[in-house]
PDB file of all heavy atoms in Angstrom:
ATOM      1  N   LYS A   1      86.443  95.185 108.491  1.00  0.00           N
ATOM      2  CA  LYS A   1      86.050  95.090 107.076  1.00  0.00           C
ATOM      3  C   LYS A   1      87.217  95.097 106.122  1.00  0.00           C
ATOM      4  O   LYS A   1      87.024  94.989 104.890  1.00  0.00           O
ATOM      5  CB  LYS A   1      85.081  96.220 106.722  1.00  0.00           C
ATOM      6  CG  LYS A   1      83.857  96.384 107.659  1.00  0.00           C
ATOM      7  CD  LYS A   1      82.986  95.162 107.602  1.00  0.00           C
ATOM      8  CE  LYS A   1      81.729  95.392 108.448  1.00  0.00           C
ATOM      9  NZ  LYS A   1      80.808  94.230 108.429  1.00  0.00           N
ATOM     10  N   GLY A   2      88.427  95.251 106.630  1.00  0.00           N
ATOM     11  CA  GLY A   2      89.580  95.304 105.728  1.00  0.00           C
ATOM     12  C   GLY A   2      90.030  93.955 105.261  1.00  0.00           C
ATOM     13  O   GLY A   2      89.478  92.932 105.671  1.00  0.00           O
ATOM     14  N   PRO A   3      91.060  93.861 104.373  1.00  0.00           N
ATOM     15  CA  PRO A   3      91.596  92.612 103.924  1.00  0.00           C
ATOM     16  C   PRO A   3      92.002  91.706 105.081  1.00  0.00           C
ATOM     17  O   PRO A   3      92.495  92.204 106.109  1.00  0.00           O
ATOM     18  CB  PRO A   3      92.801  93.009 103.084  1.00  0.00           C
ATOM     19  CG  PRO A   3      92.510  94.422 102.668  1.00  0.00           C
ATOM     20  CD  PRO A   3      91.771  95.030 103.799  1.00  0.00           C
ATOM     21  N   SER A   4      91.790  90.402 104.945  1.00  0.00           N
ATOM     22  CA  SER A   4      92.036  89.490 106.040  1.00  0.00           C
ATOM     23  C   SER A   4      92.567  88.157 105.475  1.00  0.00           C
ATOM     24  O   SER A   4      91.827  87.438 104.810  1.00  0.00           O
ATOM     25  CB  SER A   4      90.769  89.245 106.852  1.00  0.00           C
ATOM     26  OG  SER A   4      91.000  88.332 107.920  1.00  0.00           O
ATOM     27  N   TYR A   5      93.864  87.917 105.662  1.00  0.00           N
ATOM     28  CA  TYR A   5      94.413  86.670 105.128  1.00  0.00           C
ATOM     29  C   TYR A   5      95.712  86.305 105.843  1.00  0.00           C
ATOM     30  O   TYR A   5      96.275  87.092 106.616  1.00  0.00           O
ATOM     31  CB  TYR A   5      94.670  86.775 103.637  1.00  0.00           C
ATOM     32  CG  TYR A   5      95.242  88.042 103.122  1.00  0.00           C
ATOM     33  CD1 TYR A   5      96.610  88.296 103.188  1.00  0.00           C
ATOM     34  CD2 TYR A   5      94.431  89.006 102.575  1.00  0.00           C
ATOM     35  CE1 TYR A   5      97.154  89.447 102.694  1.00  0.00           C
ATOM     36  CE2 TYR A   5      94.957  90.192 102.046  1.00  0.00           C
ATOM     37  CZ  TYR A   5      96.316  90.400 102.118  1.00  0.00           C
ATOM     38  OH  TYR A   5      96.841  91.587 101.648  1.00  0.00           O
ATOM     39  N   THR A   6      96.164  85.075 105.610  1.00  0.00           N
ATOM     40  CA  THR A   6      97.378  84.531 106.222  1.00  0.00           C
ATOM     41  C   THR A   6      98.471  84.416 105.205  1.00  0.00           C
ATOM     42  O   THR A   6      98.250  83.951 104.055  1.00  0.00           O
ATOM     43  CB  THR A   6      97.065  83.161 106.873  1.00  0.00           C
ATOM     44  OG1 THR A   6      96.035  83.306 107.829  1.00  0.00           O
ATOM     45  CG2 THR A   6      98.314  82.605 107.520  1.00  0.00           C
ATOM     46  N   ILE A   7      99.672  84.836 105.571  1.00  0.00           N
ATOM     47  CA  ILE A   7     100.867  84.826 104.719  1.00  0.00           C
ATOM     48  C   ILE A   7     101.763  83.654 105.169  1.00  0.00           C
ATOM     49  O   ILE A   7     102.083  83.514 106.367  1.00  0.00           O
ATOM     50  CB  ILE A   7     101.660  86.129 104.786  1.00  0.00           C
ATOM     51  CG1 ILE A   7     100.779  87.302 104.373  1.00  0.00           C
ATOM     52  CG2 ILE A   7     102.902  86.057 103.949  1.00  0.00           C
ATOM     53  CD1 ILE A   7     100.374  87.317 102.925  1.00  0.00           C
ATOM     54  N   ASP A   8     102.232  82.864 104.244  1.00  0.00           N
ATOM     55  CA  ASP A   8     103.130  81.746 104.529  1.00  0.00           C
ATOM     56  C   ASP A   8     104.345  81.876 103.624  1.00  0.00           C
ATOM     57  O   ASP A   8     104.276  81.513 102.439  1.00  0.00           O
ATOM     58  CB  ASP A   8     102.445  80.396 104.381  1.00  0.00           C
ATOM     59  CG  ASP A   8     103.368  79.230 104.751  1.00  0.00           C
ATOM     60  OD1 ASP A   8     104.548  79.479 105.083  1.00  0.00           O
ATOM     61  OD2 ASP A   8     102.884  78.076 104.741  1.00  0.00           O
ATOM     62  N   THR A   9     105.446  82.369 104.157  1.00  0.00           N
ATOM     63  CA  THR A   9     106.715  82.411 103.416  1.00  0.00           C
ATOM     64  C   THR A   9     107.803  81.773 104.241  1.00  0.00           C
ATOM     65  O   THR A   9     108.940  82.224 104.269  1.00  0.00           O
ATOM     66  CB  THR A   9     107.096  83.864 103.058  1.00  0.00           C
ATOM     67  OG1 THR A   9     107.226  84.622 104.256  1.00  0.00           O
ATOM     68  CG2 THR A   9     106.047  84.500 102.143  1.00  0.00           C
ATOM     69  N   ALA A  10     107.415  80.696 104.964  1.00  0.00           N
ATOM     70  CA  ALA A  10     108.348  79.972 105.827  1.00  0.00           C
ATOM     71  C   ALA A  10     108.892  80.870 106.924  1.00  0.00           C
ATOM     72  O   ALA A  10     108.116  81.580 107.576  1.00  0.00           O
ATOM     73  CB  ALA A  10     109.471  79.345 105.008  1.00  0.00           C
ATOM     74  N   CYS A  11     110.213  80.914 107.115  1.00  0.00           N
ATOM     75  CA  CYS A  11     110.776  81.605 108.249  1.00  0.00           C
ATOM     76  C   CYS A  11     110.648  83.137 108.147  1.00  0.00           C
ATOM     77  O   CYS A  11     110.909  83.828 109.135  1.00  0.00           O
ATOM     78  CB  CYS A  11     112.252  81.257 108.409  1.00  0.00           C
ATOM     79  SG  CYS A  11     112.534  79.530 108.879  1.00  0.00           S
ATOM     80  N   SER A  12     110.249  83.646 107.003  1.00  0.00           N
ATOM     81  CA  SER A  12     110.069  85.091 106.854  1.00  0.00           C
ATOM     82  C   SER A  12     108.586  85.466 106.945  1.00  0.00           C
ATOM     83  O   SER A  12     108.223  86.622 106.631  1.00  0.00           O
ATOM     84  CB  SER A  12     110.672  85.575 105.527  1.00  0.00           C
ATOM     85  OG  SER A  12     110.031  84.911 104.431  1.00  0.00           O
ATOM     86  N   SER A  13     107.748  84.549 107.333  1.00  0.00           N
ATOM     87  CA  SER A  13     106.277  84.784 107.292  1.00  0.00           C
ATOM     88  C   SER A  13     105.853  86.027 108.093  1.00  0.00           C
ATOM     89  O   SER A  13     105.049  86.825 107.601  1.00  0.00           O
ATOM     90  CB  SER A  13     105.533  83.553 107.808  1.00  0.00           C
ATOM     91  OG  SER A  13     105.741  82.447 107.010  1.00  0.00           O
ATOM     92  N   SER A  14     106.353  86.205 109.296  1.00  0.00           N
ATOM     93  CA  SER A  14     105.913  87.320 110.120  1.00  0.00           C
ATOM     94  C   SER A  14     106.320  88.662 109.518  1.00  0.00           C
ATOM     95  O   SER A  14     105.531  89.622 109.489  1.00  0.00           O
ATOM     96  CB  SER A  14     106.442  87.192 111.561  1.00  0.00           C
ATOM     97  OG  SER A  14     107.868  87.175 111.565  1.00  0.00           O
ATOM     98  N   LEU A  15     107.556  88.729 109.027  1.00  0.00           N
ATOM     99  CA  LEU A  15     108.000  89.999 108.429  1.00  0.00           C
ATOM    100  C   LEU A  15     107.365  90.226 107.062  1.00  0.00           C
ATOM    101  O   LEU A  15     107.143  91.367 106.638  1.00  0.00           O
ATOM    102  CB  LEU A  15     109.522  90.015 108.311  1.00  0.00           C
ATOM    103  CG  LEU A  15     110.272  89.995 109.658  1.00  0.00           C
ATOM    104  CD1 LEU A  15     111.748  90.097 109.469  1.00  0.00           C
ATOM    105  CD2 LEU A  15     109.783  91.120 110.557  1.00  0.00           C
ATOM    106  N   SER A  16     107.026  89.144 106.339  1.00  0.00           N
ATOM    107  CA  SER A  16     106.284  89.291 105.091  1.00  0.00           C
ATOM    108  C   SER A  16     104.895  89.816 105.363  1.00  0.00           C
ATOM    109  O   SER A  16     104.366  90.664 104.620  1.00  0.00           O
ATOM    110  CB  SER A  16     106.228  87.931 104.369  1.00  0.00           C
ATOM    111  OG  SER A  16     107.504  87.541 103.911  1.00  0.00           O
ATOM    112  N   ALA A  17     104.274  89.319 106.458  1.00  0.00           N
ATOM    113  CA  ALA A  17     102.976  89.844 106.862  1.00  0.00           C
ATOM    114  C   ALA A  17     103.047  91.330 107.219  1.00  0.00           C
ATOM    115  O   ALA A  17     102.173  92.120 106.894  1.00  0.00           O
ATOM    116  CB  ALA A  17     102.429  89.024 108.038  1.00  0.00           C
ATOM    117  N   MET A  18     104.157  91.680 107.864  1.00  0.00           N
ATOM    118  CA  MET A  18     104.373  93.080 108.211  1.00  0.00           C
ATOM    119  C   MET A  18     104.482  93.947 106.938  1.00  0.00           C
ATOM    120  O   MET A  18     103.946  95.056 106.876  1.00  0.00           O
ATOM    121  CB  MET A  18     105.681  93.212 109.027  1.00  0.00           C
ATOM    122  CG  MET A  18     105.969  94.568 109.582  1.00  0.00           C
ATOM    123  SD  MET A  18     105.048  94.893 111.096  1.00  0.00           S
ATOM    124  CE  MET A  18     105.915  96.350 111.658  1.00  0.00           C
ATOM    125  N   ALA A  19     105.166  93.425 105.935  1.00  0.00           N
ATOM    126  CA  ALA A  19     105.330  94.142 104.677  1.00  0.00           C
ATOM    127  C   ALA A  19     104.014  94.324 103.969  1.00  0.00           C
ATOM    128  O   ALA A  19     103.712  95.396 103.426  1.00  0.00           O
ATOM    129  CB  ALA A  19     106.317  93.404 103.761  1.00  0.00           C
ATOM    130  N   VAL A  20     103.156  93.280 103.985  1.00  0.00           N
ATOM    131  CA  VAL A  20     101.877  93.367 103.373  1.00  0.00           C
ATOM    132  C   VAL A  20     100.987  94.397 104.075  1.00  0.00           C
ATOM    133  O   VAL A  20     100.311  95.232 103.441  1.00  0.00           O
ATOM    134  CB  VAL A  20     101.183  91.989 103.328  1.00  0.00           C
ATOM    135  CG1 VAL A  20      99.721  92.117 102.896  1.00  0.00           C
ATOM    136  CG2 VAL A  20     101.932  91.026 102.427  1.00  0.00           C
ATOM    137  N   GLY A  21     101.000  94.353 105.415  1.00  0.00           N
ATOM    138  CA  GLY A  21     100.230  95.353 106.188  1.00  0.00           C
ATOM    139  C   GLY A  21     100.701  96.758 105.947  1.00  0.00           C
ATOM    140  O   GLY A  21      99.884  97.682 105.808  1.00  0.00           O
ATOM    141  N   TYR A  22     102.025  96.923 105.863  1.00  0.00           N
ATOM    142  CA  TYR A  22     102.597  98.253 105.592  1.00  0.00           C
ATOM    143  C   TYR A  22     102.141  98.787 104.214  1.00  0.00           C
ATOM    144  O   TYR A  22     101.734  99.948 104.069  1.00  0.00           O
ATOM    145  CB  TYR A  22     104.111  98.142 105.640  1.00  0.00           C
ATOM    146  CG  TYR A  22     104.882  99.399 105.256  1.00  0.00           C
ATOM    147  CD1 TYR A  22     105.195 100.343 106.229  1.00  0.00           C
ATOM    148  CD2 TYR A  22     105.288  99.606 103.939  1.00  0.00           C
ATOM    149  CE1 TYR A  22     105.890 101.494 105.888  1.00  0.00           C
ATOM    150  CE2 TYR A  22     106.002 100.737 103.619  1.00  0.00           C
ATOM    151  CZ  TYR A  22     106.296 101.690 104.581  1.00  0.00           C
ATOM    152  OH  TYR A  22     107.005 102.832 104.242  1.00  0.00           O
ATOM    153  N   ASP A  23     102.178  97.889 103.237  1.00  0.00           N
ATOM    154  CA  ASP A  23     101.766  98.299 101.864  1.00  0.00           C
ATOM    155  C   ASP A  23     100.277  98.611 101.802  1.00  0.00           C
ATOM    156  O   ASP A  23      99.867  99.540 101.078  1.00  0.00           O
ATOM    157  CB  ASP A  23     102.118  97.180 100.875  1.00  0.00           C
ATOM    158  CG  ASP A  23     103.617  97.073 100.609  1.00  0.00           C
ATOM    159  OD1 ASP A  23     104.341  98.054 100.886  1.00  0.00           O
ATOM    160  OD2 ASP A  23     104.059  96.004 100.189  1.00  0.00           O
ATOM    161  N   LEU A  24      99.457  97.885 102.540  1.00  0.00           N
ATOM    162  CA  LEU A  24      98.024  98.145 102.575  1.00  0.00           C
ATOM    163  C   LEU A  24      97.753  99.548 103.122  1.00  0.00           C
ATOM    164  O   LEU A  24      96.866 100.257 102.643  1.00  0.00           O
ATOM    165  CB  LEU A  24      97.299  97.105 103.431  1.00  0.00           C
ATOM    166  CG  LEU A  24      97.178  95.687 102.807  1.00  0.00           C
ATOM    167  CD1 LEU A  24      96.612  94.726 103.838  1.00  0.00           C
ATOM    168  CD2 LEU A  24      96.302  95.704 101.556  1.00  0.00           C
ATOM    169  N   ILE A  25      98.500  99.936 104.176  1.00  0.00           N
ATOM    170  CA  ILE A  25      98.309 101.275 104.747  1.00  0.00           C
ATOM    171  C   ILE A  25      98.849 102.337 103.838  1.00  0.00           C
ATOM    172  O   ILE A  25      98.188 103.349 103.578  1.00  0.00           O
ATOM    173  CB  ILE A  25      98.992 101.327 106.137  1.00  0.00           C
ATOM    174  CG1 ILE A  25      98.296 100.391 107.105  1.00  0.00           C
ATOM    175  CG2 ILE A  25      98.976 102.759 106.682  1.00  0.00           C
ATOM    176  CD1 ILE A  25      98.960 100.288 108.472  1.00  0.00           C
ATOM    177  N   MET A  26     100.053 102.163 103.289  1.00  0.00           N
ATOM    178  CA  MET A  26     100.681 103.161 102.449  1.00  0.00           C
ATOM    179  C   MET A  26      99.917 103.385 101.155  1.00  0.00           C
ATOM    180  O   MET A  26      99.947 104.473 100.569  1.00  0.00           O
ATOM    181  CB  MET A  26     102.122 102.784 102.154  1.00  0.00           C
ATOM    182  CG  MET A  26     103.034 102.729 103.389  1.00  0.00           C
ATOM    183  SD  MET A  26     103.142 104.320 104.235  1.00  0.00           S
ATOM    184  CE  MET A  26     104.030 105.293 103.029  1.00  0.00           C
ATOM    185  N   SER A  27      99.234 102.326 100.634  1.00  0.00           N
ATOM    186  CA  SER A  27      98.504 102.457  99.415  1.00  0.00           C
ATOM    187  C   SER A  27      97.108 103.065  99.620  1.00  0.00           C
ATOM    188  O   SER A  27      96.394 103.358  98.658  1.00  0.00           O
ATOM    189  CB  SER A  27      98.341 101.073  98.747  1.00  0.00           C
ATOM    190  OG  SER A  27      97.586 100.213  99.582  1.00  0.00           O
TER     191      SER A  27
END
């Protein structure tokens, strides 16, 4: 039931997704 989406920042996409997931947990 949590947020569900795809991040596209080119070559940094996977680590950007990691940052978004980290922020979702920390918030």
